[in-house]
PDB file of N, CA and C in Angstrom:
ATOM      1  N   MET A   1       0.826  -1.177   0.000  1.00  0.00           N
ATOM      2  CA  MET A   1       0.000   0.000   0.000  1.00  0.00           C
ATOM      3  C   MET A   1       0.877   1.249   0.000  1.00  0.00           C
ATOM      4  N   VAL A   2       0.397   2.263  -0.667  1.00  0.00           N
ATOM      5  CA  VAL A   2       0.995   3.587  -0.567  1.00  0.00           C
ATOM      6  C   VAL A   2      -0.128   4.573  -0.285  1.00  0.00           C
ATOM      7  N   TYR A   3       0.247   5.700   0.275  1.00  0.00           N
ATOM      8  CA  TYR A   3      -0.715   6.744   0.613  1.00  0.00           C
ATOM      9  C   TYR A   3      -0.242   8.053   0.012  1.00  0.00           C
ATOM     10  N   THR A   4      -1.208   8.853  -0.433  1.00  0.00           N
ATOM     11  CA  THR A   4      -0.876  10.212  -0.824  1.00  0.00           C
ATOM     12  C   THR A   4      -1.526  11.143   0.178  1.00  0.00           C
ATOM     13  N   VAL A   5      -0.785  12.178   0.507  1.00  0.00           N
ATOM     14  CA  VAL A   5      -1.277  13.240   1.373  1.00  0.00           C
ATOM     15  C   VAL A   5      -1.293  14.491   0.503  1.00  0.00           C
ATOM     16  N   TYR A   6      -2.494  15.015   0.302  1.00  0.00           N
ATOM     17  CA  TYR A   6      -2.696  16.168  -0.569  1.00  0.00           C
ATOM     18  C   TYR A   6      -3.109  17.345   0.298  1.00  0.00           C
ATOM     19  N   GLU A   7      -2.495  18.497   0.055  1.00  0.00           N
ATOM     20  CA  GLU A   7      -2.803  19.684   0.839  1.00  0.00           C
ATOM     21  C   GLU A   7      -2.874  20.904  -0.074  1.00  0.00           C
ATOM     22  N   ALA A   8      -3.917  21.704   0.113  1.00  0.00           N
ATOM     23  CA  ALA A   8      -4.082  22.926  -0.674  1.00  0.00           C
ATOM     24  C   ALA A   8      -4.755  23.991   0.177  1.00  0.00           C
ATOM     25  N   ASN A   9      -4.549  25.230  -0.201  1.00  0.00           N
ATOM     26  CA  ASN A   9      -5.285  26.353   0.368  1.00  0.00           C
ATOM     27  C   ASN A   9      -6.233  26.849  -0.715  1.00  0.00           C
ATOM     28  N   VAL A  10      -7.467  26.413  -0.627  1.00  0.00           N
ATOM     29  CA  VAL A  10      -8.473  26.730  -1.634  1.00  0.00           C
ATOM     30  C   VAL A  10      -9.142  28.047  -1.265  1.00  0.00           C
ATOM     31  N   THR A  11      -9.146  28.991  -2.206  1.00  0.00           N
ATOM     32  CA  THR A  11      -9.768  30.290  -1.932  1.00  0.00           C
ATOM     33  C   THR A  11     -11.212  30.355  -2.400  1.00  0.00           C
ATOM     34  N   ASP A  12     -11.573  29.561  -3.397  1.00  0.00           N
ATOM     35  CA  ASP A  12     -12.950  29.532  -3.907  1.00  0.00           C
ATOM     36  C   ASP A  12     -13.457  28.093  -3.799  1.00  0.00           C
ATOM     37  N   GLU A  13     -14.010  27.751  -2.630  1.00  0.00           N
ATOM     38  CA  GLU A  13     -14.429  26.374  -2.378  1.00  0.00           C
ATOM     39  C   GLU A  13     -15.534  25.918  -3.325  1.00  0.00           C
ATOM     40  N   ALA A  14     -16.443  26.814  -3.710  1.00  0.00           N
ATOM     41  CA  ALA A  14     -17.552  26.426  -4.589  1.00  0.00           C
ATOM     42  C   ALA A  14     -17.037  25.995  -5.965  1.00  0.00           C
ATOM     43  N   THR A  15     -16.147  26.764  -6.552  1.00  0.00           N
ATOM     44  CA  THR A  15     -15.588  26.429  -7.863  1.00  0.00           C
ATOM     45  C   THR A  15     -14.752  25.155  -7.771  1.00  0.00           C
ATOM     46  N   TYR A  16     -13.965  25.052  -6.739  1.00  0.00           N
ATOM     47  CA  TYR A  16     -13.132  23.871  -6.532  1.00  0.00           C
ATOM     48  C   TYR A  16     -14.007  22.628  -6.384  1.00  0.00           C
ATOM     49  N   ALA A  17     -15.078  22.734  -5.605  1.00  0.00           N
ATOM     50  CA  ALA A  17     -15.978  21.597  -5.375  1.00  0.00           C
ATOM     51  C   ALA A  17     -16.609  21.115  -6.683  1.00  0.00           C
ATOM     52  N   LYS A  18     -16.884  22.033  -7.593  1.00  0.00           N
ATOM     53  CA  LYS A  18     -17.452  21.649  -8.893  1.00  0.00           C
ATOM     54  C   LYS A  18     -16.473  20.820  -9.718  1.00  0.00           C
ATOM     55  N   ALA A  19     -15.179  20.998  -9.473  1.00  0.00           N
ATOM     56  CA  ALA A  19     -14.157  20.257 -10.223  1.00  0.00           C
ATOM     57  C   ALA A  19     -13.853  18.887  -9.604  1.00  0.00           C
ATOM     58  N   LEU A  20     -14.329  18.639  -8.379  1.00  0.00           N
ATOM     59  CA  LEU A  20     -13.987  17.392  -7.690  1.00  0.00           C
ATOM     60  C   LEU A  20     -14.457  16.111  -8.384  1.00  0.00           C
ATOM     61  N   PRO A  21     -15.630  16.063  -9.019  1.00  0.00           N
ATOM     62  CA  PRO A  21     -16.021  14.806  -9.670  1.00  0.00           C
ATOM     63  C   PRO A  21     -14.996  14.297 -10.686  1.00  0.00           C
ATOM     64  N   GLU A  22     -14.312  15.211 -11.353  1.00  0.00           N
ATOM     65  CA  GLU A  22     -13.305  14.798 -12.330  1.00  0.00           C
ATOM     66  C   GLU A  22     -12.141  14.070 -11.648  1.00  0.00           C
ATOM     67  N   VAL A  23     -11.614  14.623 -10.566  1.00  0.00           N
ATOM     68  CA  VAL A  23     -10.490  13.972  -9.894  1.00  0.00           C
ATOM     69  C   VAL A  23     -10.954  12.713  -9.169  1.00  0.00           C
ATOM     70  N   ASP A  24     -12.183  12.716  -8.680  1.00  0.00           N
ATOM     71  CA  ASP A  24     -12.727  11.503  -8.059  1.00  0.00           C
ATOM     72  C   ASP A  24     -12.729  10.335  -9.040  1.00  0.00           C
ATOM     73  N   LYS A  25     -13.006  10.635 -10.301  1.00  0.00           N
ATOM     74  CA  LYS A  25     -12.999   9.604 -11.345  1.00  0.00           C
ATOM     75  C   LYS A  25     -11.597   9.013 -11.509  1.00  0.00           C
ATOM     76  N   TYR A  26     -10.572   9.851 -11.523  1.00  0.00           N
ATOM     77  CA  TYR A  26      -9.200   9.358 -11.657  1.00  0.00           C
ATOM     78  C   TYR A  26      -8.806   8.486 -10.460  1.00  0.00           C
ATOM     79  N   ILE A  27      -9.228   8.896  -9.283  1.00  0.00           N
ATOM     80  CA  ILE A  27      -8.916   8.131  -8.077  1.00  0.00           C
ATOM     81  C   ILE A  27      -9.587   6.768  -8.147  1.00  0.00           C
ATOM     82  N   LYS A  28     -10.881   6.762  -8.381  1.00  0.00           N
ATOM     83  CA  LYS A  28     -11.645   5.509  -8.401  1.00  0.00           C
ATOM     84  C   LYS A  28     -11.179   4.581  -9.517  1.00  0.00           C
ATOM     85  N   ASN A  29     -10.985   5.110 -10.718  1.00  0.00           N
ATOM     86  CA  ASN A  29     -10.601   4.284 -11.862  1.00  0.00           C
ATOM     87  C   ASN A  29      -9.236   3.632 -11.707  1.00  0.00           C
ATOM     88  N   ASN A  30      -8.427   4.148 -10.785  1.00  0.00           N
ATOM     89  CA  ASN A  30      -7.082   3.604 -10.591  1.00  0.00           C
ATOM     90  C   ASN A  30      -6.915   2.937  -9.225  1.00  0.00           C
ATOM     91  N   GLY A  31      -8.033   2.631  -8.577  1.00  0.00           N
ATOM     92  CA  GLY A  31      -7.993   1.850  -7.349  1.00  0.00           C
ATOM     93  C   GLY A  31      -7.709   2.621  -6.080  1.00  0.00           C
ATOM     94  N   GLY A  32      -7.799   3.944  -6.126  1.00  0.00           N
ATOM     95  CA  GLY A  32      -7.572   4.737  -4.926  1.00  0.00           C
ATOM     96  C   GLY A  32      -8.812   4.823  -4.055  1.00  0.00           C
ATOM     97  N   THR A  33      -8.599   4.990  -2.755  1.00  0.00           N
ATOM     98  CA  THR A  33      -9.689   5.132  -1.796  1.00  0.00           C
ATOM     99  C   THR A  33      -9.357   6.267  -0.845  1.00  0.00           C
ATOM    100  N   ARG A  34     -10.270   7.222  -0.741  1.00  0.00           N
ATOM    101  CA  ARG A  34     -10.075   8.293   0.236  1.00  0.00           C
ATOM    102  C   ARG A  34     -10.234   7.705   1.633  1.00  0.00           C
ATOM    103  N   VAL A  35      -9.298   8.012   2.516  1.00  0.00           N
ATOM    104  CA  VAL A  35      -9.389   7.501   3.885  1.00  0.00           C
ATOM    105  C   VAL A  35      -9.534   8.619   4.916  1.00  0.00           C
ATOM    106  N   ALA A  36      -9.264   9.852   4.530  1.00  0.00           N
ATOM    107  CA  ALA A  36      -9.405  10.967   5.468  1.00  0.00           C
ATOM    108  C   ALA A  36      -9.398  12.273   4.703  1.00  0.00           C
ATOM    109  N   GLY A  37      -9.987  13.292   5.328  1.00  0.00           N
ATOM    110  CA  GLY A  37      -9.855  14.642   4.811  1.00  0.00           C
ATOM    111  C   GLY A  37     -11.118  15.256   4.282  1.00  0.00           C
ATOM    112  N   GLY A  38     -10.936  16.378   3.636  1.00  0.00           N
ATOM    113  CA  GLY A  38     -12.014  17.181   3.101  1.00  0.00           C
ATOM    114  C   GLY A  38     -11.697  18.649   3.292  1.00  0.00           C
ATOM    115  N   PHE A  39     -12.709  19.491   3.192  1.00  0.00           N
ATOM    116  CA  PHE A  39     -12.538  20.927   3.431  1.00  0.00           C
ATOM    117  C   PHE A  39     -12.578  21.187   4.931  1.00  0.00           C
ATOM    118  N   ASN A  40     -11.607  21.911   5.425  1.00  0.00           N
ATOM    119  CA  ASN A  40     -11.588  22.403   6.801  1.00  0.00           C
ATOM    120  C   ASN A  40     -11.736  21.286   7.836  1.00  0.00           C
ATOM    121  N   LYS A  41     -11.104  20.137   7.574  1.00  0.00           N
ATOM    122  CA  LYS A  41     -11.203  19.007   8.489  1.00  0.00           C
ATOM    123  C   LYS A  41      -9.876  18.659   9.150  1.00  0.00           C
ATOM    124  N   ALA A  42      -8.829  19.408   8.862  1.00  0.00           N
ATOM    125  CA  ALA A  42      -7.525  19.158   9.472  1.00  0.00           C
ATOM    126  C   ALA A  42      -7.152  20.369  10.316  1.00  0.00           C
ATOM    127  N   ARG A  43      -6.425  20.107  11.380  1.00  0.00           N
ATOM    128  CA  ARG A  43      -5.922  21.206  12.207  1.00  0.00           C
ATOM    129  C   ARG A  43      -4.487  20.902  12.603  1.00  0.00           C
ATOM    130  N   LEU A  44      -3.742  21.932  12.826  1.00  0.00           N
ATOM    131  CA  LEU A  44      -2.355  21.788  13.230  1.00  0.00           C
ATOM    132  C   LEU A  44      -2.300  21.311  14.675  1.00  0.00           C
ATOM    133  N   ALA A  45      -1.638  20.187  14.914  1.00  0.00           N
ATOM    134  CA  ALA A  45      -1.486  19.664  16.267  1.00  0.00           C
ATOM    135  C   ALA A  45      -0.141  20.086  16.863  1.00  0.00           C
ATOM    136  N   GLU A  46       0.900  20.081  16.054  1.00  0.00           N
ATOM    137  CA  GLU A  46       2.246  20.468  16.496  1.00  0.00           C
ATOM    138  C   GLU A  46       2.937  21.174  15.332  1.00  0.00           C
ATOM    139  N   GLY A  47       3.869  22.043  15.636  1.00  0.00           N
ATOM    140  CA  GLY A  47       4.668  22.678  14.603  1.00  0.00           C
ATOM    141  C   GLY A  47       4.223  24.088  14.291  1.00  0.00           C
ATOM    142  N   LYS A  48       4.859  24.684  13.282  1.00  0.00           N
ATOM    143  CA  LYS A  48       4.626  26.085  12.959  1.00  0.00           C
ATOM    144  C   LYS A  48       4.105  26.326  11.547  1.00  0.00           C
ATOM    145  N   ILE A  49       4.158  25.316  10.680  1.00  0.00           N
ATOM    146  CA  ILE A  49       3.696  25.488   9.302  1.00  0.00           C
ATOM    147  C   ILE A  49       2.183  25.293   9.282  1.00  0.00           C
ATOM    148  N   PRO A  50       1.424  26.297   8.849  1.00  0.00           N
ATOM    149  CA  PRO A  50      -0.042  26.165   8.828  1.00  0.00           C
ATOM    150  C   PRO A  50      -0.507  25.035   7.911  1.00  0.00           C
ATOM    151  N   VAL A  51      -1.638  24.463   8.236  1.00  0.00           N
ATOM    152  CA  VAL A  51      -2.244  23.397   7.439  1.00  0.00           C
ATOM    153  C   VAL A  51      -3.207  24.027   6.446  1.00  0.00           C
ATOM    154  N   GLY A  52      -3.212  23.521   5.212  1.00  0.00           N
ATOM    155  CA  GLY A  52      -4.141  24.019   4.209  1.00  0.00           C
ATOM    156  C   GLY A  52      -5.576  23.702   4.580  1.00  0.00           C
ATOM    157  N   ASN A  53      -6.515  24.398   3.943  1.00  0.00           N
ATOM    158  CA  ASN A  53      -7.929  24.166   4.252  1.00  0.00           C
ATOM    159  C   ASN A  53      -8.517  22.984   3.488  1.00  0.00           C
ATOM    160  N   ARG A  54      -7.747  22.383   2.602  1.00  0.00           N
ATOM    161  CA  ARG A  54      -8.152  21.163   1.894  1.00  0.00           C
ATOM    162  C   ARG A  54      -7.046  20.154   2.109  1.00  0.00           C
ATOM    163  N   TYR A  55      -7.361  19.095   2.818  1.00  0.00           N
ATOM    164  CA  TYR A  55      -6.368  18.098   3.193  1.00  0.00           C
ATOM    165  C   TYR A  55      -7.004  16.741   2.962  1.00  0.00           C
ATOM    166  N   VAL A  56      -6.367  15.883   2.156  1.00  0.00           N
ATOM    167  CA  VAL A  56      -6.960  14.594   1.801  1.00  0.00           C
ATOM    168  C   VAL A  56      -5.872  13.519   1.829  1.00  0.00           C
ATOM    169  N   ILE A  57      -6.217  12.357   2.378  1.00  0.00           N
ATOM    170  CA  ILE A  57      -5.324  11.199   2.369  1.00  0.00           C
ATOM    171  C   ILE A  57      -6.008  10.101   1.557  1.00  0.00           C
ATOM    172  N   ILE A  58      -5.262   9.546   0.597  1.00  0.00           N
ATOM    173  CA  ILE A  58      -5.792   8.498  -0.287  1.00  0.00           C
ATOM    174  C   ILE A  58      -4.895   7.268  -0.179  1.00  0.00           C
ATOM    175  N   ARG A  59      -5.529   6.112  -0.084  1.00  0.00           N
ATOM    176  CA  ARG A  59      -4.802   4.834  -0.062  1.00  0.00           C
ATOM    177  C   ARG A  59      -4.830   4.239  -1.470  1.00  0.00           C
ATOM    178  N   TRP A  60      -3.679   3.777  -1.913  1.00  0.00           N
ATOM    179  CA  TRP A  60      -3.522   3.134  -3.221  1.00  0.00           C
ATOM    180  C   TRP A  60      -2.989   1.730  -3.009  1.00  0.00           C
ATOM    181  N   GLU A  61      -3.297   0.821  -3.901  1.00  0.00           N
ATOM    182  CA  GLU A  61      -2.842  -0.568  -3.781  1.00  0.00           C
ATOM    183  C   GLU A  61      -1.332  -0.699  -3.932  1.00  0.00           C
ATOM    184  N   GLY A  62      -0.714   0.227  -4.582  1.00  0.00           N
ATOM    185  CA  GLY A  62       0.730   0.214  -4.765  1.00  0.00           C
ATOM    186  C   GLY A  62       1.166   1.450  -5.514  1.00  0.00           C
ATOM    187  N   MET A  63       2.476   1.639  -5.625  1.00  0.00           N
ATOM    188  CA  MET A  63       3.016   2.809  -6.306  1.00  0.00           C
ATOM    189  C   MET A  63       2.581   2.838  -7.768  1.00  0.00           C
ATOM    190  N   SER A  64       2.442   1.666  -8.390  1.00  0.00           N
ATOM    191  CA  SER A  64       2.044   1.649  -9.803  1.00  0.00           C
ATOM    192  C   SER A  64       0.612   2.169  -9.973  1.00  0.00           C
ATOM    193  N   ALA A  65      -0.268   1.907  -9.015  1.00  0.00           N
ATOM    194  CA  ALA A  65      -1.640   2.427  -9.092  1.00  0.00           C
ATOM    195  C   ALA A  65      -1.625   3.948  -8.978  1.00  0.00           C
ATOM    196  N   PHE A  66      -0.827   4.465  -8.056  1.00  0.00           N
ATOM    197  CA  PHE A  66      -0.703   5.919  -7.925  1.00  0.00           C
ATOM    198  C   PHE A  66      -0.129   6.522  -9.206  1.00  0.00           C
ATOM    199  N   ASP A  67       0.928   5.910  -9.742  1.00  0.00           N
ATOM    200  CA  ASP A  67       1.544   6.431 -10.967  1.00  0.00           C
ATOM    201  C   ASP A  67       0.551   6.441 -12.132  1.00  0.00           C
ATOM    202  N   ARG A  68      -0.269   5.385 -12.237  1.00  0.00           N
ATOM    203  CA  ARG A  68      -1.296   5.346 -13.299  1.00  0.00           C
ATOM    204  C   ARG A  68      -2.286   6.498 -13.122  1.00  0.00           C
ATOM    205  N   ALA A  69      -2.704   6.745 -11.893  1.00  0.00           N
ATOM    206  CA  ALA A  69      -3.649   7.829 -11.641  1.00  0.00           C
ATOM    207  C   ALA A  69      -3.035   9.187 -11.983  1.00  0.00           C
ATOM    208  N   GLU A  70      -1.773   9.350 -11.652  1.00  0.00           N
ATOM    209  CA  GLU A  70      -1.073  10.593 -12.008  1.00  0.00           C
ATOM    210  C   GLU A  70      -1.081  10.781 -13.521  1.00  0.00           C
ATOM    211  N   ASP A  71      -0.712   9.720 -14.248  1.00  0.00           N
ATOM    212  CA  ASP A  71      -0.669   9.793 -15.706  1.00  0.00           C
ATOM    213  C   ASP A  71      -2.062   9.934 -16.312  1.00  0.00           C
ATOM    214  N   ASP A  72      -3.061   9.349 -15.651  1.00  0.00           N
ATOM    215  CA  ASP A  72      -4.442   9.391 -16.141  1.00  0.00           C
ATOM    216  C   ASP A  72      -5.018  10.801 -16.077  1.00  0.00           C
ATOM    217  N   GLY A  73      -4.538  11.626 -15.139  1.00  0.00           N
ATOM    218  CA  GLY A  73      -5.048  12.989 -15.103  1.00  0.00           C
ATOM    219  C   GLY A  73      -4.940  13.722 -13.789  1.00  0.00           C
ATOM    220  N   ILE A  74      -4.565  13.039 -12.709  1.00  0.00           N
ATOM    221  CA  ILE A  74      -4.487  13.745 -11.426  1.00  0.00           C
ATOM    222  C   ILE A  74      -3.469  14.873 -11.469  1.00  0.00           C
ATOM    223  N   ARG A  75      -2.307  14.618 -12.035  1.00  0.00           N
ATOM    224  CA  ARG A  75      -1.269  15.652 -12.113  1.00  0.00           C
ATOM    225  C   ARG A  75      -1.797  16.892 -12.838  1.00  0.00           C
ATOM    226  N   ASP A  76      -2.438  16.678 -13.986  1.00  0.00           N
ATOM    227  CA  ASP A  76      -2.979  17.801 -14.757  1.00  0.00           C
ATOM    228  C   ASP A  76      -4.104  18.500 -14.004  1.00  0.00           C
ATOM    229  N   TRP A  77      -4.946  17.719 -13.291  1.00  0.00           N
ATOM    230  CA  TRP A  77      -6.047  18.289 -12.535  1.00  0.00           C
ATOM    231  C   TRP A  77      -5.518  19.226 -11.447  1.00  0.00           C
ATOM    232  N   ILE A  78      -4.480  18.800 -10.758  1.00  0.00           N
ATOM    233  CA  ILE A  78      -3.900  19.640  -9.711  1.00  0.00           C
ATOM    234  C   ILE A  78      -3.320  20.912 -10.319  1.00  0.00           C
ATOM    235  N   GLU A  79      -2.591  20.773 -11.411  1.00  0.00           N
ATOM    236  CA  GLU A  79      -2.017  21.956 -12.065  1.00  0.00           C
ATOM    237  C   GLU A  79      -3.096  22.970 -12.444  1.00  0.00           C
ATOM    238  N   LYS A  80      -4.233  22.468 -12.898  1.00  0.00           N
ATOM    239  CA  LYS A  80      -5.322  23.336 -13.338  1.00  0.00           C
ATOM    240  C   LYS A  80      -6.105  23.933 -12.171  1.00  0.00           C
ATOM    241  N   ASN A  81      -6.402  23.125 -11.159  1.00  0.00           N
ATOM    242  CA  ASN A  81      -7.331  23.537 -10.114  1.00  0.00           C
ATOM    243  C   ASN A  81      -6.689  23.970  -8.802  1.00  0.00           C
ATOM    244  N   ALA A  82      -5.446  23.595  -8.581  1.00  0.00           N
ATOM    245  CA  ALA A  82      -4.769  23.944  -7.330  1.00  0.00           C
ATOM    246  C   ALA A  82      -3.254  23.957  -7.549  1.00  0.00           C
ATOM    247  N   PRO A  83      -2.775  24.876  -8.391  1.00  0.00           N
ATOM    248  CA  PRO A  83      -1.360  24.848  -8.762  1.00  0.00           C
ATOM    249  C   PRO A  83      -0.398  25.041  -7.585  1.00  0.00           C
ATOM    250  N   ASP A  84      -0.861  25.593  -6.472  1.00  0.00           N
ATOM    251  CA  ASP A  84       0.005  25.778  -5.312  1.00  0.00           C
ATOM    252  C   ASP A  84      -0.093  24.631  -4.306  1.00  0.00           C
ATOM    253  N   ALA A  85      -0.885  23.611  -4.645  1.00  0.00           N
ATOM    254  CA  ALA A  85      -1.049  22.465  -3.746  1.00  0.00           C
ATOM    255  C   ALA A  85       0.232  21.660  -3.680  1.00  0.00           C
ATOM    256  N   ARG A  86       0.293  20.827  -2.662  1.00  0.00           N
ATOM    257  CA  ARG A  86       1.389  19.863  -2.610  1.00  0.00           C
ATOM    258  C   ARG A  86       0.797  18.488  -2.337  1.00  0.00           C
ATOM    259  N   GLN A  87       1.448  17.496  -2.917  1.00  0.00           N
ATOM    260  CA  GLN A  87       1.015  16.115  -2.748  1.00  0.00           C
ATOM    261  C   GLN A  87       2.253  15.282  -2.441  1.00  0.00           C
ATOM    262  N   ILE A  88       2.146  14.508  -1.394  1.00  0.00           N
ATOM    263  CA  ILE A  88       3.261  13.674  -0.961  1.00  0.00           C
ATOM    264  C   ILE A  88       2.810  12.226  -1.055  1.00  0.00           C
ATOM    265  N   VAL A  89       3.660  11.360  -1.567  1.00  0.00           N
ATOM    266  CA  VAL A  89       3.342   9.930  -1.627  1.00  0.00           C
ATOM    267  C   VAL A  89       4.304   9.202  -0.691  1.00  0.00           C
ATOM    268  N   VAL A  90       3.754   8.274   0.085  1.00  0.00           N
ATOM    269  CA  VAL A  90       4.558   7.556   1.076  1.00  0.00           C
ATOM    270  C   VAL A  90       4.118   6.098   1.123  1.00  0.00           C
ATOM    271  N   GLU A  91       5.078   5.207   1.270  1.00  0.00           N
ATOM    272  CA  GLU A  91       4.765   3.791   1.389  1.00  0.00           C
ATOM    273  C   GLU A  91       4.177   3.516   2.755  1.00  0.00           C
ATOM    274  N   GLY A  92       3.157   2.651   2.789  1.00  0.00           N
ATOM    275  CA  GLY A  92       2.555   2.241   4.056  1.00  0.00           C
ATOM    276  C   GLY A  92       3.468   1.279   4.793  1.00  0.00           C
ATOM    277  N   VAL A  93       3.219   1.122   6.067  1.00  0.00           N
ATOM    278  CA  VAL A  93       3.983   0.168   6.858  1.00  0.00           C
ATOM    279  C   VAL A  93       3.117  -1.037   7.155  1.00  0.00           C
ATOM    280  N   GLU A  94       3.752  -2.183   7.278  1.00  0.00           N
ATOM    281  CA  GLU A  94       3.029  -3.408   7.570  1.00  0.00           C
ATOM    282  C   GLU A  94       2.657  -3.439   9.041  1.00  0.00           C
ATOM    283  N   THR A  95       1.396  -3.711   9.331  1.00  0.00           N
ATOM    284  CA  THR A  95       0.983  -3.826  10.717  1.00  0.00           C
ATOM    285  C   THR A  95       1.107  -5.273  11.163  1.00  0.00           C
ATOM    286  N   LYS A  96       1.421  -5.465  12.406  1.00  0.00           N
ATOM    287  CA  LYS A  96       1.602  -6.831  12.929  1.00  0.00           C
ATOM    288  C   LYS A  96       0.675  -7.072  14.076  1.00  0.00           C
TER     289      LYS A  96
END
């Protein structure tokens, strides 16, 4: 499993929300599952760097599934709808 952590500071939530069905399609079609996040659902617990108002965590079956979703359109969607966003991909750890 791999996870992506997506963070953005959205200034026009209504316009952004209208664009979400498109990115949802890329996530679903490539095996991704949202596990946390949304608008205004994250808060800073420790540290000094503010948290964006749009924070989403997605679980992918593997790095290849994430890469397919990126190539399918997620990368372009972010560039178009949230060019200042950041997305981090991290491998999951095995639980015992």
